[in-house]
Amino acid sequence: MKADTHPDYHFIKVVMTDGTEFQTRSTYGKEGDVLTLDIDPKSHPAWTGGQQQITDRGGRVSRFAKKFGDLKFKKS
């Protein structure tokens, strides 16, 4: 096996958006660096199930409705 092909794993400190911290091993930065998260599972709506509103401002849905709005589908 070739020498120096594996990344250097070391301990870093991760700071979550609410201020909590934990240590983990990573290839990020160098030993002792701090990784401050802007988005994490405690604050992001994708993980928390937060309120999500879909607004269509003249996009594909509006164009489809304008073009085919009165189209009726019948069951056979």
Protein backbone atom coordinates (compact mmCIF):
# COMPACT_ATOMS: atom_id res chain seq x y z
CA MET A 1 0.00 0.00 0.00
CA LYS A 2 1.21 3.51 -0.76
CA ALA A 3 2.40 5.63 2.12
CA ASP A 4 0.54 8.85 3.05
CA THR A 5 -2.65 7.98 1.14
CA HIS A 6 -4.96 8.07 4.14
CA PRO A 7 -6.31 11.39 5.45
CA ASP A 8 -5.12 12.71 8.80
CA TYR A 9 -7.89 12.11 11.34
CA HIS A 10 -7.70 14.27 14.45
CA PHE A 11 -9.99 15.66 17.14
CA ILE A 12 -11.92 18.89 16.51
CA LYS A 13 -14.62 20.68 18.49
CA VAL A 14 -18.03 21.16 16.84
CA VAL A 15 -20.24 24.03 18.07
CA MET A 16 -23.95 23.69 17.30
CA THR A 17 -26.26 26.67 16.62
CA ASP A 18 -27.62 26.59 20.18
CA GLY A 19 -24.10 26.76 21.65
CA THR A 20 -23.70 23.12 22.67
CA GLU A 21 -20.34 21.58 21.87
CA PHE A 22 -18.93 18.13 21.28
CA GLN A 23 -15.67 16.62 20.16
CA THR A 24 -15.34 14.33 17.18
CA ARG A 25 -12.68 12.96 14.87
CA SER A 26 -12.50 14.58 11.45
CA THR A 27 -10.27 15.48 8.53
CA TYR A 28 -11.45 19.11 8.82
CA GLY A 29 -8.68 21.62 9.57
CA LYS A 30 -6.04 20.60 12.05
CA GLU A 31 -5.95 19.20 15.58
CA GLY A 32 -7.96 21.37 17.99
CA ASP A 33 -9.79 23.47 15.36
CA VAL A 34 -13.37 24.59 16.02
CA LEU A 35 -16.14 23.96 13.46
CA THR A 36 -19.07 26.33 14.07
CA LEU A 37 -22.27 25.17 12.38
CA ASP A 38 -24.71 27.58 10.72
CA ILE A 39 -27.33 24.86 10.21
CA ASP A 40 -27.77 21.74 12.29
CA PRO A 41 -30.46 19.12 13.02
CA LYS A 42 -31.71 21.13 16.03
CA SER A 43 -32.52 24.25 14.00
CA HIS A 44 -33.14 23.29 10.36
CA PRO A 45 -36.80 22.82 9.31
CA ALA A 46 -35.93 19.70 7.30
CA TRP A 47 -35.19 17.88 10.56
CA THR A 48 -37.48 19.73 12.96
CA GLY A 49 -40.64 19.59 10.81
CA GLY A 50 -40.97 23.36 10.90
CA GLN A 51 -43.54 25.38 9.06
CA GLN A 52 -43.00 25.30 5.33
CA GLN A 53 -44.88 27.40 2.83
CA ILE A 54 -44.67 26.91 -0.89
CA THR A 55 -45.28 30.08 -2.83
CA ASP A 56 -45.48 30.09 -6.59
CA ARG A 57 -44.86 33.48 -8.10
CA GLY A 58 -45.69 32.89 -11.74
CA GLY A 59 -43.64 29.74 -12.00
CA ARG A 60 -44.38 26.37 -13.57
CA VAL A 61 -47.50 25.67 -11.50
CA SER A 62 -49.08 29.00 -12.41
CA ARG A 63 -48.26 28.61 -16.10
CA PHE A 64 -49.72 25.09 -16.10
CA ALA A 65 -52.89 26.26 -14.36
CA LYS A 66 -53.29 29.12 -16.81
CA LYS A 67 -52.81 26.84 -19.82
CA PHE A 68 -54.76 23.77 -18.64
CA GLY A 69 -56.87 25.16 -15.78
CA ASP A 70 -60.25 24.12 -17.20
CA LEU A 71 -59.07 20.67 -18.29
CA LYS A 72 -61.33 17.94 -16.89
CA PHE A 73 -60.20 14.36 -16.50
CA LYS A 74 -62.83 11.65 -16.72
CA LYS A 75 -62.58 8.18 -15.26
CA SER A 76 -63.12 5.38 -17.76
